[in-house]
Amino acid sequence: MDDNFDVNRETAKIKKGGSYFDGGLFQLIAWSILGFLITLFTLGICYPWALCMVYGWRINHTVIEGNRLKFTGSAVGLFGHWIKWLLLTIITFGIYGFWVRISLEKWKVKNTRFQY
């Protein structure tokens, strides 16, 4: 009985403007496989494009407090950063590689907006 009440309360939250994710498992699998194949066949050159494709799908299916998110980043924009990060990692003998993940997260957040 309590579980049913929690489900109804959660459904009411979503209808009133709650947070949820509406993407499906098979979509995620398909986008991930496509991104992997693109990266594989281009020998990693199109990895930024594959990353934008999968991340964009994830963000575009996310709703926070009734407001849908929208990813505005582009593969071309990420590619410039990717080259810079690669060069800095090479110059610092791999040390900058520890900061690449943080830099990528900052770039993702900078290119995520609420869709109105």
PDB file of N, CA and C in Angstrom:
ATOM      1  N   MET A   1       0.819  -1.192   0.000  1.00  0.00           N
ATOM      2  CA  MET A   1       0.000   0.000   0.000  1.00  0.00           C
ATOM      3  C   MET A   1       0.864   1.256   0.000  1.00  0.00           C
ATOM      4  N   ASP A   2       1.913   1.301   0.819  1.00  0.00           N
ATOM      5  CA  ASP A   2       2.818   2.445   0.858  1.00  0.00           C
ATOM      6  C   ASP A   2       3.515   2.653  -0.478  1.00  0.00           C
ATOM      7  N   ASP A   3       3.924   1.533  -1.128  1.00  0.00           N
ATOM      8  CA  ASP A   3       4.614   1.649  -2.416  1.00  0.00           C
ATOM      9  C   ASP A   3       3.715   2.285  -3.462  1.00  0.00           C
ATOM     10  N   ASN A   4       2.450   1.935  -3.464  1.00  0.00           N
ATOM     11  CA  ASN A   4       1.509   2.502  -4.420  1.00  0.00           C
ATOM     12  C   ASN A   4       1.349   3.998  -4.185  1.00  0.00           C
ATOM     13  N   PHE A   5       1.307   4.410  -2.924  1.00  0.00           N
ATOM     14  CA  PHE A   5       1.191   5.821  -2.586  1.00  0.00           C
ATOM     15  C   PHE A   5       2.409   6.600  -3.092  1.00  0.00           C
ATOM     16  N   ASP A   6       3.631   6.011  -2.920  1.00  0.00           N
ATOM     17  CA  ASP A   6       4.852   6.666  -3.382  1.00  0.00           C
ATOM     18  C   ASP A   6       4.854   6.818  -4.900  1.00  0.00           C
ATOM     19  N   VAL A   7       4.374   5.806  -5.616  1.00  0.00           N
ATOM     20  CA  VAL A   7       4.308   5.875  -7.075  1.00  0.00           C
ATOM     21  C   VAL A   7       3.358   6.975  -7.508  1.00  0.00           C
ATOM     22  N   ASN A   8       2.194   7.057  -6.876  1.00  0.00           N
ATOM     23  CA  ASN A   8       1.233   8.105  -7.221  1.00  0.00           C
ATOM     24  C   ASN A   8       1.774   9.491  -6.909  1.00  0.00           C
ATOM     25  N   ARG A   9       2.477   9.623  -5.791  1.00  0.00           N
ATOM     26  CA  ARG A   9       3.063  10.914  -5.420  1.00  0.00           C
ATOM     27  C   ARG A   9       4.146  11.309  -6.423  1.00  0.00           C
ATOM     28  N   GLU A  10       4.952  10.333  -6.865  1.00  0.00           N
ATOM     29  CA  GLU A  10       6.010  10.599  -7.844  1.00  0.00           C
ATOM     30  C   GLU A  10       5.405  11.008  -9.179  1.00  0.00           C
ATOM     31  N   THR A  11       4.330  10.351  -9.598  1.00  0.00           N
ATOM     32  CA  THR A  11       3.646  10.708 -10.844  1.00  0.00           C
ATOM     33  C   THR A  11       3.091  12.121 -10.759  1.00  0.00           C
ATOM     34  N   ALA A  12       2.533  12.478  -9.615  1.00  0.00           N
ATOM     35  CA  ALA A  12       1.998  13.827  -9.435  1.00  0.00           C
ATOM     36  C   ALA A  12       3.111  14.865  -9.507  1.00  0.00           C
ATOM     37  N   LYS A  13       4.293  14.550  -8.960  1.00  0.00           N
ATOM     38  CA  LYS A  13       5.433  15.477  -9.030  1.00  0.00           C
ATOM     39  C   LYS A  13       5.827  15.734 -10.481  1.00  0.00           C
ATOM     40  N   ILE A  14       5.879  14.670 -11.274  1.00  0.00           N
ATOM     41  CA  ILE A  14       6.263  14.809 -12.671  1.00  0.00           C
ATOM     42  C   ILE A  14       5.266  15.686 -13.402  1.00  0.00           C
ATOM     43  N   LYS A  15       3.985  15.473 -13.164  1.00  0.00           N
ATOM     44  CA  LYS A  15       2.962  16.263 -13.842  1.00  0.00           C
ATOM     45  C   LYS A  15       3.016  17.728 -13.421  1.00  0.00           C
ATOM     46  N   LYS A  16       3.400  17.998 -12.175  1.00  0.00           N
ATOM     47  CA  LYS A  16       3.460  19.372 -11.684  1.00  0.00           C
ATOM     48  C   LYS A  16       4.767  20.069 -12.053  1.00  0.00           C
ATOM     49  N   GLY A  17       5.714  19.385 -12.595  1.00  0.00           N
ATOM     50  CA  GLY A  17       6.975  20.016 -12.932  1.00  0.00           C
ATOM     51  C   GLY A  17       8.149  19.370 -12.251  1.00  0.00           C
ATOM     52  N   GLY A  18       8.105  18.094 -12.049  1.00  0.00           N
ATOM     53  CA  GLY A  18       9.204  17.380 -11.416  1.00  0.00           C
ATOM     54  C   GLY A  18      10.354  17.160 -12.384  1.00  0.00           C
ATOM     55  N   SER A  19      11.344  16.439 -11.922  1.00  0.00           N
ATOM     56  CA  SER A  19      12.524  16.130 -12.735  1.00  0.00           C
ATOM     57  C   SER A  19      12.461  14.672 -13.162  1.00  0.00           C
ATOM     58  N   TYR A  20      12.795  14.425 -14.422  1.00  0.00           N
ATOM     59  CA  TYR A  20      12.782  13.059 -14.932  1.00  0.00           C
ATOM     60  C   TYR A  20      13.623  12.958 -16.201  1.00  0.00           C
ATOM     61  N   PHE A  21      13.863  11.741 -16.598  1.00  0.00           N
ATOM     62  CA  PHE A  21      14.601  11.436 -17.829  1.00  0.00           C
ATOM     63  C   PHE A  21      13.683  10.588 -18.688  1.00  0.00           C
ATOM     64  N   ASP A  22      13.451  10.983 -19.950  1.00  0.00           N
ATOM     65  CA  ASP A  22      12.498  10.259 -20.783  1.00  0.00           C
ATOM     66  C   ASP A  22      13.149   9.515 -21.958  1.00  0.00           C
ATOM     67  N   GLY A  23      14.442   9.296 -21.898  1.00  0.00           N
ATOM     68  CA  GLY A  23      15.112   8.508 -22.929  1.00  0.00           C
ATOM     69  C   GLY A  23      14.962   7.022 -22.647  1.00  0.00           C
ATOM     70  N   GLY A  24      15.108   6.223 -23.689  1.00  0.00           N
ATOM     71  CA  GLY A  24      14.956   4.785 -23.533  1.00  0.00           C
ATOM     72  C   GLY A  24      16.285   4.048 -23.630  1.00  0.00           C
ATOM     73  N   LEU A  25      16.309   2.839 -23.094  1.00  0.00           N
ATOM     74  CA  LEU A  25      17.520   2.024 -23.082  1.00  0.00           C
ATOM     75  C   LEU A  25      17.998   1.703 -24.495  1.00  0.00           C
ATOM     76  N   PHE A  26      17.079   1.303 -25.367  1.00  0.00           N
ATOM     77  CA  PHE A  26      17.483   0.929 -26.720  1.00  0.00           C
ATOM     78  C   PHE A  26      18.010   2.124 -27.505  1.00  0.00           C
ATOM     79  N   GLN A  27      17.461   3.307 -27.248  1.00  0.00           N
ATOM     80  CA  GLN A  27      17.990   4.521 -27.880  1.00  0.00           C
ATOM     81  C   GLN A  27      19.428   4.768 -27.427  1.00  0.00           C
ATOM     82  N   LEU A  28      19.676   4.643 -26.121  1.00  0.00           N
ATOM     83  CA  LEU A  28      21.022   4.854 -25.590  1.00  0.00           C
ATOM     84  C   LEU A  28      22.003   3.846 -26.184  1.00  0.00           C
ATOM     85  N   ILE A  29      21.585   2.604 -26.270  1.00  0.00           N
ATOM     86  CA  ILE A  29      22.450   1.582 -26.857  1.00  0.00           C
ATOM     87  C   ILE A  29      22.755   1.909 -28.307  1.00  0.00           C
ATOM     88  N   ALA A  30      21.727   2.291 -29.070  1.00  0.00           N
ATOM     89  CA  ALA A  30      21.921   2.606 -30.490  1.00  0.00           C
ATOM     90  C   ALA A  30      22.846   3.808 -30.674  1.00  0.00           C
ATOM     91  N   TRP A  31      22.625   4.890 -29.918  1.00  0.00           N
ATOM     92  CA  TRP A  31      23.481   6.074 -30.030  1.00  0.00           C
ATOM     93  C   TRP A  31      24.922   5.754 -29.614  1.00  0.00           C
ATOM     94  N   SER A  32      25.073   4.946 -28.575  1.00  0.00           N
ATOM     95  CA  SER A  32      26.416   4.578 -28.110  1.00  0.00           C
ATOM     96  C   SER A  32      27.154   3.728 -29.136  1.00  0.00           C
ATOM     97  N   ILE A  33      26.460   2.776 -29.740  1.00  0.00           N
ATOM     98  CA  ILE A  33      27.079   1.944 -30.781  1.00  0.00           C
ATOM     99  C   ILE A  33      27.448   2.797 -31.982  1.00  0.00           C
ATOM    100  N   LEU A  34      26.543   3.685 -32.393  1.00  0.00           N
ATOM    101  CA  LEU A  34      26.835   4.569 -33.526  1.00  0.00           C
ATOM    102  C   LEU A  34      28.047   5.450 -33.229  1.00  0.00           C
ATOM    103  N   GLY A  35      28.111   6.007 -32.032  1.00  0.00           N
ATOM    104  CA  GLY A  35      29.266   6.826 -31.640  1.00  0.00           C
ATOM    105  C   GLY A  35      30.557   6.029 -31.645  1.00  0.00           C
ATOM    106  N   PHE A  36      30.503   4.802 -31.150  1.00  0.00           N
ATOM    107  CA  PHE A  36      31.680   3.930 -31.146  1.00  0.00           C
ATOM    108  C   PHE A  36      32.135   3.624 -32.575  1.00  0.00           C
ATOM    109  N   LEU A  37      31.186   3.308 -33.453  1.00  0.00           N
ATOM    110  CA  LEU A  37      31.538   2.978 -34.836  1.00  0.00           C
ATOM    111  C   LEU A  37      32.127   4.185 -35.570  1.00  0.00           C
ATOM    112  N   ILE A  38      31.552   5.352 -35.350  1.00  0.00           N
ATOM    113  CA  ILE A  38      32.087   6.573 -35.965  1.00  0.00           C
ATOM    114  C   ILE A  38      33.512   6.815 -35.498  1.00  0.00           C
ATOM    115  N   THR A  39      33.751   6.656 -34.206  1.00  0.00           N
ATOM    116  CA  THR A  39      35.100   6.838 -33.654  1.00  0.00           C
ATOM    117  C   THR A  39      36.053   5.798 -34.221  1.00  0.00           C
ATOM    118  N   LEU A  40      35.609   4.568 -34.303  1.00  0.00           N
ATOM    119  CA  LEU A  40      36.448   3.476 -34.801  1.00  0.00           C
ATOM    120  C   LEU A  40      36.819   3.676 -36.270  1.00  0.00           C
ATOM    121  N   PHE A  41      35.831   3.961 -37.112  1.00  0.00           N
ATOM    122  CA  PHE A  41      36.085   4.072 -38.547  1.00  0.00           C
ATOM    123  C   PHE A  41      36.866   5.325 -38.933  1.00  0.00           C
ATOM    124  N   THR A  42      36.851   6.346 -38.076  1.00  0.00           N
ATOM    125  CA  THR A  42      37.622   7.563 -38.375  1.00  0.00           C
ATOM    126  C   THR A  42      38.919   7.603 -37.579  1.00  0.00           C
ATOM    127  N   LEU A  43      39.266   6.483 -36.955  1.00  0.00           N
ATOM    128  CA  LEU A  43      40.491   6.366 -36.153  1.00  0.00           C
ATOM    129  C   LEU A  43      40.567   7.424 -35.054  1.00  0.00           C
ATOM    130  N   GLY A  44      39.428   7.762 -34.486  1.00  0.00           N
ATOM    131  CA  GLY A  44      39.377   8.693 -33.364  1.00  0.00           C
ATOM    132  C   GLY A  44      39.237  10.152 -33.736  1.00  0.00           C
ATOM    133  N   ILE A  45      39.362  10.479 -35.013  1.00  0.00           N
ATOM    134  CA  ILE A  45      39.285  11.889 -35.417  1.00  0.00           C
ATOM    135  C   ILE A  45      37.902  12.476 -35.137  1.00  0.00           C
ATOM    136  N   CYS A  46      36.858  11.692 -35.318  1.00  0.00           N
ATOM    137  CA  CYS A  46      35.490  12.178 -35.099  1.00  0.00           C
ATOM    138  C   CYS A  46      34.962  11.875 -33.702  1.00  0.00           C
ATOM    139  N   TYR A  47      35.858  11.559 -32.772  1.00  0.00           N
ATOM    140  CA  TYR A  47      35.419  11.294 -31.401  1.00  0.00           C
ATOM    141  C   TYR A  47      34.656  12.479 -30.800  1.00  0.00           C
ATOM    142  N   PRO A  48      35.100  13.733 -31.009  1.00  0.00           N
ATOM    143  CA  PRO A  48      34.315  14.850 -30.467  1.00  0.00           C
ATOM    144  C   PRO A  48      32.884  14.871 -31.014  1.00  0.00           C
ATOM    145  N   TRP A  49      32.708  14.512 -32.289  1.00  0.00           N
ATOM    146  CA  TRP A  49      31.369  14.482 -32.861  1.00  0.00           C
ATOM    147  C   TRP A  49      30.534  13.389 -32.204  1.00  0.00           C
ATOM    148  N   ALA A  50      31.123  12.208 -32.023  1.00  0.00           N
ATOM    149  CA  ALA A  50      30.415  11.104 -31.374  1.00  0.00           C
ATOM    150  C   ALA A  50      30.053  11.479 -29.937  1.00  0.00           C
ATOM    151  N   LEU A  51      30.959  12.138 -29.249  1.00  0.00           N
ATOM    152  CA  LEU A  51      30.709  12.565 -27.873  1.00  0.00           C
ATOM    153  C   LEU A  51      29.548  13.557 -27.816  1.00  0.00           C
ATOM    154  N   CYS A  52      29.545  14.531 -28.715  1.00  0.00           N
ATOM    155  CA  CYS A  52      28.454  15.512 -28.764  1.00  0.00           C
ATOM    156  C   CYS A  52      27.125  14.839 -29.082  1.00  0.00           C
ATOM    157  N   MET A  53      27.161  13.866 -29.962  1.00  0.00           N
ATOM    158  CA  MET A  53      25.955  13.158 -30.369  1.00  0.00           C
ATOM    159  C   MET A  53      25.329  12.422 -29.176  1.00  0.00           C
ATOM    160  N   VAL A  54      26.125  11.660 -28.455  1.00  0.00           N
ATOM    161  CA  VAL A  54      25.617  10.878 -27.321  1.00  0.00           C
ATOM    162  C   VAL A  54      25.253  11.796 -26.156  1.00  0.00           C
ATOM    163  N   TYR A  55      26.099  12.757 -25.848  1.00  0.00           N
ATOM    164  CA  TYR A  55      25.814  13.666 -24.742  1.00  0.00           C
ATOM    165  C   TYR A  55      24.582  14.514 -25.043  1.00  0.00           C
ATOM    166  N   GLY A  56      24.454  14.968 -26.293  1.00  0.00           N
ATOM    167  CA  GLY A  56      23.275  15.741 -26.690  1.00  0.00           C
ATOM    168  C   GLY A  56      21.989  14.947 -26.511  1.00  0.00           C
ATOM    169  N   TRP A  57      22.024  13.679 -26.883  1.00  0.00           N
ATOM    170  CA  TRP A  57      20.838  12.830 -26.700  1.00  0.00           C
ATOM    171  C   TRP A  57      20.481  12.750 -25.215  1.00  0.00           C
ATOM    172  N   ARG A  58      21.489  12.550 -24.379  1.00  0.00           N
ATOM    173  CA  ARG A  58      21.273  12.410 -22.942  1.00  0.00           C
ATOM    174  C   ARG A  58      20.665  13.685 -22.350  1.00  0.00           C
ATOM    175  N   ILE A  59      21.233  14.818 -22.689  1.00  0.00           N
ATOM    176  CA  ILE A  59      20.761  16.097 -22.147  1.00  0.00           C
ATOM    177  C   ILE A  59      19.380  16.448 -22.695  1.00  0.00           C
ATOM    178  N   ASN A  60      19.157  16.239 -23.977  1.00  0.00           N
ATOM    179  CA  ASN A  60      17.881  16.605 -24.591  1.00  0.00           C
ATOM    180  C   ASN A  60      16.707  15.764 -24.084  1.00  0.00           C
ATOM    181  N   HIS A  61      16.979  14.686 -23.383  1.00  0.00           N
ATOM    182  CA  HIS A  61      15.923  13.853 -22.802  1.00  0.00           C
ATOM    183  C   HIS A  61      15.821  14.038 -21.292  1.00  0.00           C
ATOM    184  N   THR A  62      16.413  15.097 -20.770  1.00  0.00           N
ATOM    185  CA  THR A  62      16.389  15.366 -19.333  1.00  0.00           C
ATOM    186  C   THR A  62      15.501  16.566 -19.039  1.00  0.00           C
ATOM    187  N   VAL A  63      14.642  16.421 -18.031  1.00  0.00           N
ATOM    188  CA  VAL A  63      13.767  17.503 -17.582  1.00  0.00           C
ATOM    189  C   VAL A  63      14.064  17.752 -16.107  1.00  0.00           C
ATOM    190  N   ILE A  64      14.353  19.010 -15.770  1.00  0.00           N
ATOM    191  CA  ILE A  64      14.644  19.409 -14.391  1.00  0.00           C
ATOM    192  C   ILE A  64      13.549  20.366 -13.929  1.00  0.00           C
ATOM    193  N   GLU A  65      12.824  19.974 -12.905  1.00  0.00           N
ATOM    194  CA  GLU A  65      11.736  20.777 -12.341  1.00  0.00           C
ATOM    195  C   GLU A  65      10.809  21.328 -13.418  1.00  0.00           C
ATOM    196  N   GLY A  66      10.447  20.469 -14.363  1.00  0.00           N
ATOM    197  CA  GLY A  66       9.509  20.844 -15.420  1.00  0.00           C
ATOM    198  C   GLY A  66      10.136  21.556 -16.604  1.00  0.00           C
ATOM    199  N   ASN A  67      11.426  21.835 -16.563  1.00  0.00           N
ATOM    200  CA  ASN A  67      12.107  22.528 -17.656  1.00  0.00           C
ATOM    201  C   ASN A  67      13.038  21.565 -18.380  1.00  0.00           C
ATOM    202  N   ARG A  68      12.795  21.377 -19.672  1.00  0.00           N
ATOM    203  CA  ARG A  68      13.628  20.480 -20.469  1.00  0.00           C
ATOM    204  C   ARG A  68      14.972  21.140 -20.743  1.00  0.00           C
ATOM    205  N   LEU A  69      16.037  20.342 -20.672  1.00  0.00           N
ATOM    206  CA  LEU A  69      17.377  20.837 -20.984  1.00  0.00           C
ATOM    207  C   LEU A  69      17.643  20.702 -22.473  1.00  0.00           C
ATOM    208  N   LYS A  70      18.528  21.539 -22.975  1.00  0.00           N
ATOM    209  CA  LYS A  70      18.912  21.496 -24.385  1.00  0.00           C
ATOM    210  C   LYS A  70      20.424  21.639 -24.478  1.00  0.00           C
ATOM    211  N   PHE A  71      21.038  20.775 -25.263  1.00  0.00           N
ATOM    212  CA  PHE A  71      22.479  20.831 -25.471  1.00  0.00           C
ATOM    213  C   PHE A  71      22.751  21.662 -26.714  1.00  0.00           C
ATOM    214  N   THR A  72      23.601  22.688 -26.587  1.00  0.00           N
ATOM    215  CA  THR A  72      23.876  23.595 -27.707  1.00  0.00           C
ATOM    216  C   THR A  72      25.300  23.472 -28.237  1.00  0.00           C
ATOM    217  N   GLY A  73      26.074  22.551 -27.697  1.00  0.00           N
ATOM    218  CA  GLY A  73      27.464  22.387 -28.125  1.00  0.00           C
ATOM    219  C   GLY A  73      27.550  21.783 -29.518  1.00  0.00           C
ATOM    220  N   SER A  74      28.674  22.035 -30.173  1.00  0.00           N
ATOM    221  CA  SER A  74      28.886  21.468 -31.505  1.00  0.00           C
ATOM    222  C   SER A  74      30.209  20.711 -31.529  1.00  0.00           C
ATOM    223  N   ALA A  75      30.281  19.775 -32.437  1.00  0.00           N
ATOM    224  CA  ALA A  75      31.502  18.978 -32.572  1.00  0.00           C
ATOM    225  C   ALA A  75      32.673  19.851 -33.007  1.00  0.00           C
ATOM    226  N   VAL A  76      32.408  20.857 -33.824  1.00  0.00           N
ATOM    227  CA  VAL A  76      33.476  21.755 -34.288  1.00  0.00           C
ATOM    228  C   VAL A  76      34.060  22.522 -33.104  1.00  0.00           C
ATOM    229  N   GLY A  77      33.182  23.019 -32.231  1.00  0.00           N
ATOM    230  CA  GLY A  77      33.649  23.728 -31.039  1.00  0.00           C
ATOM    231  C   GLY A  77      34.451  22.836 -30.114  1.00  0.00           C
ATOM    232  N   LEU A  78      33.996  21.608 -29.938  1.00  0.00           N
ATOM    233  CA  LEU A  78      34.710  20.673 -29.072  1.00  0.00           C
ATOM    234  C   LEU A  78      36.023  20.238 -29.704  1.00  0.00           C
ATOM    235  N   PHE A  79      36.061  20.118 -31.027  1.00  0.00           N
ATOM    236  CA  PHE A  79      37.273  19.675 -31.697  1.00  0.00           C
ATOM    237  C   PHE A  79      38.434  20.629 -31.426  1.00  0.00           C
ATOM    238  N   GLY A  80      38.164  21.938 -31.435  1.00  0.00           N
ATOM    239  CA  GLY A  80      39.207  22.921 -31.120  1.00  0.00           C
ATOM    240  C   GLY A  80      39.760  22.729 -29.718  1.00  0.00           C
ATOM    241  N   HIS A  81      38.862  22.533 -28.765  1.00  0.00           N
ATOM    242  CA  HIS A  81      39.295  22.277 -27.386  1.00  0.00           C
ATOM    243  C   HIS A  81      40.062  20.963 -27.308  1.00  0.00           C
ATOM    244  N   TRP A  82      39.593  19.962 -28.037  1.00  0.00           N
ATOM    245  CA  TRP A  82      40.208  18.635 -28.000  1.00  0.00           C
ATOM    246  C   TRP A  82      41.663  18.701 -28.458  1.00  0.00           C
ATOM    247  N   ILE A  83      41.926  19.457 -29.532  1.00  0.00           N
ATOM    248  CA  ILE A  83      43.297  19.615 -30.035  1.00  0.00           C
ATOM    249  C   ILE A  83      44.159  20.322 -28.994  1.00  0.00           C
ATOM    250  N   LYS A  84      43.610  21.385 -28.400  1.00  0.00           N
ATOM    251  CA  LYS A  84      44.343  22.129 -27.366  1.00  0.00           C
ATOM    252  C   LYS A  84      44.672  21.219 -26.181  1.00  0.00           C
ATOM    253  N   TRP A  85      43.688  20.440 -25.735  1.00  0.00           N
ATOM    254  CA  TRP A  85      43.909  19.543 -24.595  1.00  0.00           C
ATOM    255  C   TRP A  85      44.929  18.460 -24.939  1.00  0.00           C
ATOM    256  N   LEU A  86      44.884  17.971 -26.155  1.00  0.00           N
ATOM    257  CA  LEU A  86      45.847  16.954 -26.583  1.00  0.00           C
ATOM    258  C   LEU A  86      47.265  17.521 -26.572  1.00  0.00           C
ATOM    259  N   LEU A  87      47.437  18.714 -27.117  1.00  0.00           N
ATOM    260  CA  LEU A  87      48.761  19.338 -27.139  1.00  0.00           C
ATOM    261  C   LEU A  87      49.273  19.612 -25.721  1.00  0.00           C
ATOM    262  N   LEU A  88      48.400  20.115 -24.845  1.00  0.00           N
ATOM    263  CA  LEU A  88      48.814  20.369 -23.465  1.00  0.00           C
ATOM    264  C   LEU A  88      49.185  19.076 -22.742  1.00  0.00           C
ATOM    265  N   THR A  89      48.466  18.001 -23.050  1.00  0.00           N
ATOM    266  CA  THR A  89      48.785  16.711 -22.437  1.00  0.00           C
ATOM    267  C   THR A  89      50.138  16.208 -22.918  1.00  0.00           C
ATOM    268  N   ILE A  90      50.426  16.388 -24.209  1.00  0.00           N
ATOM    269  CA  ILE A  90      51.715  15.954 -24.758  1.00  0.00           C
ATOM    270  C   ILE A  90      52.851  16.787 -24.178  1.00  0.00           C
ATOM    271  N   ILE A  91      52.656  18.107 -24.146  1.00  0.00           N
ATOM    272  CA  ILE A  91      53.700  19.014 -23.648  1.00  0.00           C
ATOM    273  C   ILE A  91      54.031  18.741 -22.177  1.00  0.00           C
ATOM    274  N   THR A  92      53.017  18.406 -21.389  1.00  0.00           N
ATOM    275  CA  THR A  92      53.242  18.179 -19.950  1.00  0.00           C
ATOM    276  C   THR A  92      53.488  16.705 -19.626  1.00  0.00           C
ATOM    277  N   PHE A  93      53.816  15.928 -20.644  1.00  0.00           N
ATOM    278  CA  PHE A  93      54.102  14.497 -20.470  1.00  0.00           C
ATOM    279  C   PHE A  93      52.953  13.759 -19.783  1.00  0.00           C
ATOM    280  N   GLY A  94      51.728  14.110 -20.152  1.00  0.00           N
ATOM    281  CA  GLY A  94      50.549  13.409 -19.659  1.00  0.00           C
ATOM    282  C   GLY A  94      49.913  13.984 -18.417  1.00  0.00           C
ATOM    283  N   ILE A  95      50.568  14.908 -17.772  1.00  0.00           N
ATOM    284  CA  ILE A  95      50.039  15.447 -16.514  1.00  0.00           C
ATOM    285  C   ILE A  95      48.729  16.194 -16.739  1.00  0.00           C
ATOM    286  N   TYR A  96      48.640  16.963 -17.830  1.00  0.00           N
ATOM    287  CA  TYR A  96      47.416  17.723 -18.081  1.00  0.00           C
ATOM    288  C   TYR A  96      46.230  16.789 -18.339  1.00  0.00           C
ATOM    289  N   GLY A  97      46.494  15.559 -18.695  1.00  0.00           N
ATOM    290  CA  GLY A  97      45.423  14.588 -18.930  1.00  0.00           C
ATOM    291  C   GLY A  97      44.490  14.432 -17.746  1.00  0.00           C
ATOM    292  N   PHE A  98      45.010  14.655 -16.533  1.00  0.00           N
ATOM    293  CA  PHE A  98      44.164  14.577 -15.347  1.00  0.00           C
ATOM    294  C   PHE A  98      43.102  15.673 -15.340  1.00  0.00           C
ATOM    295  N   TRP A  99      43.376  16.803 -15.982  1.00  0.00           N
ATOM    296  CA  TRP A  99      42.450  17.926 -16.012  1.00  0.00           C
ATOM    297  C   TRP A  99      41.529  17.904 -17.227  1.00  0.00           C
ATOM    298  N   VAL A 100      41.799  17.049 -18.184  1.00  0.00           N
ATOM    299  CA  VAL A 100      40.977  17.012 -19.400  1.00  0.00           C
ATOM    300  C   VAL A 100      39.533  16.651 -19.065  1.00  0.00           C
ATOM    301  N   ARG A 101      39.333  15.699 -18.200  1.00  0.00           N
ATOM    302  CA  ARG A 101      37.970  15.284 -17.837  1.00  0.00           C
ATOM    303  C   ARG A 101      37.197  16.437 -17.198  1.00  0.00           C
ATOM    304  N   ILE A 102      37.864  17.203 -16.335  1.00  0.00           N
ATOM    305  CA  ILE A 102      37.229  18.367 -15.708  1.00  0.00           C
ATOM    306  C   ILE A 102      36.935  19.428 -16.763  1.00  0.00           C
ATOM    307  N   SER A 103      37.865  19.668 -17.664  1.00  0.00           N
ATOM    308  CA  SER A 103      37.663  20.640 -18.737  1.00  0.00           C
ATOM    309  C   SER A 103      36.498  20.234 -19.622  1.00  0.00           C
ATOM    310  N   LEU A 104      36.378  18.949 -19.900  1.00  0.00           N
ATOM    311  CA  LEU A 104      35.275  18.454 -20.720  1.00  0.00           C
ATOM    312  C   LEU A 104      33.941  18.663 -20.002  1.00  0.00           C
ATOM    313  N   GLU A 105      33.887  18.397 -18.710  1.00  0.00           N
ATOM    314  CA  GLU A 105      32.658  18.626 -17.943  1.00  0.00           C
ATOM    315  C   GLU A 105      32.282  20.106 -17.951  1.00  0.00           C
ATOM    316  N   LYS A 106      33.270  20.982 -17.810  1.00  0.00           N
ATOM    317  CA  LYS A 106      33.006  22.424 -17.848  1.00  0.00           C
ATOM    318  C   LYS A 106      32.435  22.819 -19.208  1.00  0.00           C
ATOM    319  N   TRP A 107      32.987  22.252 -20.281  1.00  0.00           N
ATOM    320  CA  TRP A 107      32.508  22.550 -21.628  1.00  0.00           C
ATOM    321  C   TRP A 107      31.069  22.063 -21.798  1.00  0.00           C
ATOM    322  N   LYS A 108      30.765  20.867 -21.291  1.00  0.00           N
ATOM    323  CA  LYS A 108      29.409  20.324 -21.398  1.00  0.00           C
ATOM    324  C   LYS A 108      28.409  21.228 -20.674  1.00  0.00           C
ATOM    325  N   VAL A 109      28.749  21.632 -19.449  1.00  0.00           N
ATOM    326  CA  VAL A 109      27.843  22.481 -18.671  1.00  0.00           C
ATOM    327  C   VAL A 109      27.678  23.842 -19.335  1.00  0.00           C
ATOM    328  N   LYS A 110      28.744  24.384 -19.874  1.00  0.00           N
ATOM    329  CA  LYS A 110      28.686  25.684 -20.549  1.00  0.00           C
ATOM    330  C   LYS A 110      27.754  25.633 -21.761  1.00  0.00           C
ATOM    331  N   ASN A 111      27.620  24.468 -22.360  1.00  0.00           N
ATOM    332  CA  ASN A 111      26.792  24.314 -23.558  1.00  0.00           C
ATOM    333  C   ASN A 111      25.457  23.627 -23.273  1.00  0.00           C
ATOM    334  N   THR A 112      24.990  23.694 -22.043  1.00  0.00           N
ATOM    335  CA  THR A 112      23.693  23.133 -21.663  1.00  0.00           C
ATOM    336  C   THR A 112      22.809  24.260 -21.180  1.00  0.00           C
ATOM    337  N   ARG A 113      21.606  24.325 -21.737  1.00  0.00           N
ATOM    338  CA  ARG A 113      20.669  25.401 -21.414  1.00  0.00           C
ATOM    339  C   ARG A 113      19.304  24.793 -21.083  1.00  0.00           C
ATOM    340  N   PHE A 114      18.430  25.640 -20.530  1.00  0.00           N
ATOM    341  CA  PHE A 114      17.029  25.262 -20.412  1.00  0.00           C
ATOM    342  C   PHE A 114      16.348  25.614 -21.715  1.00  0.00           C
ATOM    343  N   GLN A 115      15.511  24.697 -22.203  1.00  0.00           N
ATOM    344  CA  GLN A 115      14.762  24.950 -23.426  1.00  0.00           C
ATOM    345  C   GLN A 115      13.455  25.631 -23.043  1.00  0.00           C
ATOM    346  N   TYR A 116      13.186  26.779 -23.641  1.00  0.00           N
ATOM    347  CA  TYR A 116      11.959  27.510 -23.302  1.00  0.00           C
ATOM    348  C   TYR A 116      10.997  27.507 -24.455  1.00  0.00           C
TER     349      TYR A 116
END
